[in-house]
Amino acid sequence: MDELDELDDNTIDVHENMEKDGYGKLAFNHHDEYDLDNVLMLQKSCHYIDIMHKVEDALFFANKGDVLLEEDDLEYKLIVHCNALSIDTEDEIDIIHNFIRNKYRLKFFELDSLVNYPIDYGRVIKRTDNEMDLTLVDLQGLLTSIIIMIVTVTTSTINGKPLSGHILERTLEACYKILDLNSLNMTVLDFVGSLIKYIALNLCGVVGSAVSMKLMCCAGGLMYWRICLLMLSYLLVQ
């Protein structure tokens, strides 16, 4: 438990580091040469590495039974850290998504408006590579049939151009990064989802584990969630 307490003091401000790297200034420059690895700080942080190791161990030994986790339990503290980590992970996914969009717009300018979800967008580009005729690319399993039809028709009318070798390489590397980061985030969410019912049993019974997890995360933890419920109850009886 002391190790988790120390993580609070050692947690880096990922967004602050990104601003110092000037990502916001460079984000919409198609020809910039900044290194994406110098912008993405989360996976390099000791906080992230420690939490992921603890999540993997917890998933391996998970066997709580019918118990109610309290705030002084190790699993509860880990869930709180995982909630915050998931938010930071989604922020980095957005950054990689912007990086990919800014590069791939040189080829298919409107693709990002047709495939909005960052993970789907990364998967589509990874499979498309530098092919200009999307009718030759099998997108089944990545998008719905309707979206595939819209994408293939729309991109056929765009006067884009193939990406140069260097830009294509960096774009595909970013696609692998976003998919890898999403996979790790899903591991965290699976862990939190498996234990959230032991923290907020009644809430899970009403809105489900996924929504309960987001509400707890927004509230900042079990104690703050209970305070929110008390305030809501007070307002309802007035």
Protein backbone atom coordinates (compact mmCIF):
# COMPACT_ATOMS: atom_id res chain seq x y z
CA MET A 1 0.00 0.00 0.00
CA ASP A 2 2.92 2.33 0.72
CA GLU A 3 4.09 1.82 -2.86
CA LEU A 4 0.79 3.12 -4.18
CA ASP A 5 0.94 6.10 -1.83
CA GLU A 6 4.36 6.96 -3.23
CA LEU A 7 2.94 6.96 -6.75
CA ASP A 8 0.82 9.99 -5.89
CA ASP A 9 3.97 11.99 -5.18
CA ASN A 10 5.90 10.68 -8.18
CA THR A 11 3.18 11.02 -10.82
CA ILE A 12 4.36 13.19 -13.70
CA ASP A 13 2.15 15.80 -15.31
CA VAL A 14 1.97 14.34 -18.80
CA HIS A 15 0.07 17.28 -20.28
CA GLU A 16 2.57 19.76 -18.88
CA ASN A 17 5.43 17.89 -20.55
CA MET A 18 3.56 17.84 -23.83
CA GLU A 19 3.05 21.59 -23.73
CA LYS A 20 6.75 22.09 -23.05
CA ASP A 21 7.51 19.98 -26.10
CA GLY A 22 5.44 22.41 -28.16
CA TYR A 23 3.02 19.82 -29.50
CA GLY A 24 0.17 22.28 -29.73
CA LYS A 25 2.23 24.55 -31.96
CA LEU A 26 3.37 21.74 -34.26
CA ALA A 27 0.21 19.65 -34.38
CA PHE A 28 -1.21 21.07 -37.60
CA ASN A 29 2.00 21.35 -39.59
CA HIS A 30 2.04 18.62 -42.23
CA HIS A 31 5.77 19.01 -42.82
CA ASP A 32 7.06 19.14 -39.25
CA GLU A 33 9.94 16.87 -38.31
CA TYR A 34 9.40 16.55 -34.58
CA ASP A 35 9.73 13.09 -33.08
CA LEU A 36 6.47 11.69 -31.74
CA ASP A 37 8.44 9.70 -29.16
CA ASN A 38 9.58 12.97 -27.61
CA VAL A 39 5.96 14.05 -27.20
CA LEU A 40 4.52 10.84 -25.77
CA MET A 41 5.64 10.72 -22.14
CA LEU A 42 3.08 8.51 -20.44
CA GLN A 43 4.48 5.05 -21.16
CA LYS A 44 7.96 6.23 -20.20
CA SER A 45 6.89 7.39 -16.75
CA CYS A 46 7.63 5.30 -13.66
CA HIS A 47 4.04 5.86 -12.59
CA TYR A 48 2.65 4.21 -15.72
CA ILE A 49 5.08 1.29 -15.58
CA ASP A 50 4.40 0.62 -11.89
CA ILE A 51 0.64 0.76 -12.30
CA MET A 52 0.66 -1.56 -15.33
CA HIS A 53 2.80 -4.09 -13.47
CA LYS A 54 0.40 -4.01 -10.54
CA VAL A 55 -2.60 -4.38 -12.85
CA GLU A 56 -1.05 -7.41 -14.56
CA ASP A 57 -0.28 -8.99 -11.18
CA ALA A 58 -3.77 -8.22 -9.89
CA LEU A 59 -5.39 -9.75 -12.97
CA PHE A 60 -3.25 -12.85 -12.60
CA PHE A 61 -4.16 -13.35 -8.94
CA ALA A 62 -7.70 -11.94 -9.12
CA ASN A 63 -10.04 -13.88 -6.85
CA LYS A 64 -11.92 -11.53 -4.56
CA GLY A 65 -15.16 -13.42 -4.04
CA ASP A 66 -18.24 -11.66 -2.70
CA VAL A 67 -16.63 -8.88 -0.70
CA LEU A 68 -16.94 -5.11 -0.58
CA LEU A 69 -13.76 -3.15 -1.21
CA GLU A 70 -13.14 -0.15 1.03
CA GLU A 71 -10.87 2.85 0.58
CA ASP A 72 -8.04 1.35 2.62
CA ASP A 73 -7.88 -1.79 0.44
CA LEU A 74 -4.96 -2.12 -1.94
CA GLU A 75 -7.24 -3.00 -4.85
CA TYR A 76 -9.34 0.11 -4.27
CA LYS A 77 -6.30 2.38 -4.33
CA LEU A 78 -5.12 0.67 -7.50
CA ILE A 79 -8.51 1.23 -9.13
CA VAL A 80 -8.33 4.94 -8.33
CA HIS A 81 -4.90 5.15 -9.96
CA CYS A 82 -6.14 3.15 -12.95
CA ASN A 83 -9.03 5.54 -13.50
CA ALA A 84 -6.67 8.50 -13.65
CA LEU A 85 -4.23 6.55 -15.82
CA SER A 86 -6.98 5.67 -18.28
CA ILE A 87 -7.80 9.36 -18.75
CA ASP A 88 -4.13 10.17 -19.43
CA THR A 89 -3.95 7.24 -21.85
CA GLU A 90 -6.95 8.51 -23.80
CA ASP A 91 -5.31 11.94 -23.98
CA GLU A 92 -2.20 10.39 -25.55
CA ILE A 93 -4.37 8.42 -27.96
CA ASP A 94 -5.89 11.73 -29.06
CA ILE A 95 -2.40 13.15 -29.60
CA ILE A 96 -1.34 10.20 -31.76
CA HIS A 97 -4.64 10.43 -33.62
CA ASN A 98 -3.95 14.07 -34.45
CA PHE A 99 -0.44 13.18 -35.58
CA ILE A 100 -1.76 10.47 -37.93
CA ARG A 101 -4.49 12.71 -39.31
CA ASN A 102 -2.08 15.53 -40.06
CA LYS A 103 0.16 13.17 -42.02
CA TYR A 104 -2.52 11.18 -43.85
CA ARG A 105 -4.52 14.22 -44.92
CA LEU A 106 -1.93 14.70 -47.64
CA LYS A 107 -3.28 11.50 -49.16
CA PHE A 108 -6.98 11.32 -48.19
CA PHE A 109 -8.04 14.66 -46.77
CA GLU A 110 -11.57 13.66 -45.74
CA LEU A 111 -10.89 10.20 -44.33
CA ASP A 112 -10.71 11.40 -40.73
CA SER A 113 -14.17 12.95 -41.04
CA LEU A 114 -15.58 9.63 -42.27
CA VAL A 115 -13.82 7.45 -39.69
CA ASN A 116 -14.05 9.43 -36.47
CA TYR A 117 -13.01 6.91 -33.83
CA PRO A 118 -9.20 7.15 -33.39
CA ILE A 119 -8.66 3.39 -33.06
CA ASP A 120 -10.71 2.58 -36.16
CA TYR A 121 -8.87 5.32 -38.03
CA GLY A 122 -5.51 3.84 -37.07
CA ARG A 123 -6.61 0.35 -38.10
CA VAL A 124 -7.89 1.56 -41.47
CA ILE A 125 -4.66 3.39 -42.28
CA LYS A 126 -2.55 0.46 -41.10
CA ARG A 127 -4.39 -1.83 -43.50
CA THR A 128 -4.60 0.71 -46.33
CA ASP A 129 -0.89 1.55 -46.19
CA ASN A 130 -0.15 3.68 -49.29
CA GLU A 131 -2.81 2.20 -51.58
CA MET A 132 -4.69 4.92 -53.44
CA ASP A 133 -7.61 2.76 -54.61
CA LEU A 134 -9.52 1.75 -51.48
CA THR A 135 -11.70 -0.64 -53.48
CA LEU A 136 -8.61 -2.87 -53.47
CA VAL A 137 -8.34 -2.76 -49.67
CA ASP A 138 -10.34 -5.21 -47.56
CA LEU A 139 -11.87 -3.10 -44.79
CA GLN A 140 -14.32 -5.77 -43.67
CA GLY A 141 -14.14 -6.27 -39.93
CA LEU A 142 -12.82 -2.74 -39.40
CA LEU A 143 -15.85 -0.69 -40.46
CA THR A 144 -19.52 -1.30 -41.11
CA SER A 145 -20.57 -2.02 -44.69
CA ILE A 146 -22.23 1.39 -45.03
CA ILE A 147 -19.14 3.26 -43.83
CA ILE A 148 -16.92 1.17 -46.12
CA MET A 149 -19.09 2.15 -49.09
CA ILE A 150 -19.00 5.84 -48.12
CA VAL A 151 -15.24 5.76 -47.59
CA THR A 152 -14.46 4.06 -50.90
CA VAL A 153 -16.77 6.35 -52.90
CA THR A 154 -15.58 9.55 -51.20
CA THR A 155 -11.87 8.79 -51.42
CA SER A 156 -12.22 7.96 -55.12
CA THR A 157 -13.15 11.60 -55.76
CA ILE A 158 -10.24 13.08 -53.79
CA ASN A 159 -7.17 14.23 -55.68
CA GLY A 160 -4.68 13.14 -53.07
CA LYS A 161 -1.22 11.77 -53.59
CA PRO A 162 0.72 8.84 -52.13
CA LEU A 163 2.79 9.60 -49.07
CA SER A 164 6.55 9.74 -49.38
CA GLY A 165 8.48 6.87 -47.85
CA HIS A 166 9.56 8.84 -44.78
CA ILE A 167 6.10 10.25 -43.99
CA LEU A 168 4.44 6.89 -44.62
CA GLU A 169 6.86 5.14 -42.29
CA ARG A 170 6.24 7.62 -39.47
CA THR A 171 2.48 7.45 -40.02
CA LEU A 172 2.39 3.65 -39.85
CA GLU A 173 4.60 3.70 -36.76
CA ALA A 174 2.06 6.02 -35.14
CA CYS A 175 -0.73 3.60 -36.09
CA TYR A 176 1.08 0.80 -34.27
CA LYS A 177 1.56 3.09 -31.27
CA ILE A 178 -2.11 4.03 -31.04
CA LEU A 179 -3.23 0.40 -31.31
CA ASP A 180 -0.71 -0.71 -28.70
CA LEU A 181 -1.73 2.07 -26.33
CA ASN A 182 -5.39 1.20 -26.80
CA SER A 183 -4.68 -2.45 -26.02
CA LEU A 184 -2.94 -1.49 -22.78
CA ASN A 185 -5.81 0.84 -21.90
CA MET A 186 -8.31 -1.97 -22.43
CA THR A 187 -6.31 -4.09 -19.98
CA VAL A 188 -6.64 -1.34 -17.38
CA LEU A 189 -10.36 -0.93 -18.07
CA ASP A 190 -10.94 -4.68 -17.85
CA PHE A 191 -9.24 -4.72 -14.46
CA VAL A 192 -11.28 -1.79 -13.15
CA GLY A 193 -14.48 -3.23 -14.58
CA SER A 194 -13.86 -6.56 -12.87
CA LEU A 195 -13.61 -4.94 -9.42
CA ILE A 196 -15.87 -1.91 -9.63
CA LYS A 197 -18.85 -3.99 -8.49
CA TYR A 198 -17.10 -4.61 -5.18
CA ILE A 199 -16.82 -0.86 -4.64
CA ALA A 200 -20.18 0.39 -5.89
CA LEU A 201 -22.43 -2.66 -5.88
CA ASN A 202 -25.73 -0.76 -5.91
CA LEU A 203 -24.56 1.69 -8.57
CA CYS A 204 -23.43 -1.17 -10.83
CA GLY A 205 -26.82 -2.78 -10.39
CA VAL A 206 -28.50 0.36 -11.72
CA VAL A 207 -26.23 1.64 -14.51
CA GLY A 208 -23.77 -1.22 -15.10
CA SER A 209 -20.03 -1.57 -14.51
CA ALA A 210 -18.83 0.61 -17.40
CA VAL A 211 -20.94 3.65 -16.47
CA SER A 212 -20.21 3.16 -12.76
CA MET A 213 -16.49 3.23 -13.49
CA LYS A 214 -16.78 6.52 -15.38
CA LEU A 215 -18.93 8.10 -12.67
CA MET A 216 -16.47 7.06 -9.96
CA CYS A 217 -13.61 8.42 -12.03
CA CYS A 218 -15.35 11.77 -12.56
CA ALA A 219 -16.17 12.00 -8.86
CA GLY A 220 -12.56 11.31 -7.89
CA GLY A 221 -13.11 8.18 -5.82
CA LEU A 222 -15.54 6.41 -3.55
CA MET A 223 -15.51 9.06 -0.81
CA TYR A 224 -16.25 11.89 -3.23
CA TRP A 225 -18.90 9.80 -4.94
CA ARG A 226 -20.64 9.31 -1.60
CA ILE A 227 -20.46 13.06 -1.01
CA CYS A 228 -22.06 13.64 -4.42
CA LEU A 229 -24.87 11.24 -3.54
CA LEU A 230 -25.47 12.98 -0.22
CA MET A 231 -25.60 16.37 -1.92
CA LEU A 232 -27.95 15.02 -4.58
CA SER A 233 -30.21 13.48 -1.94
CA TYR A 234 -30.28 16.77 -0.05
CA LEU A 235 -31.26 18.70 -3.18
CA LEU A 236 -33.99 16.22 -4.06
CA VAL A 237 -35.71 16.53 -0.70
CA GLN A 238 -35.67 20.33 -0.76
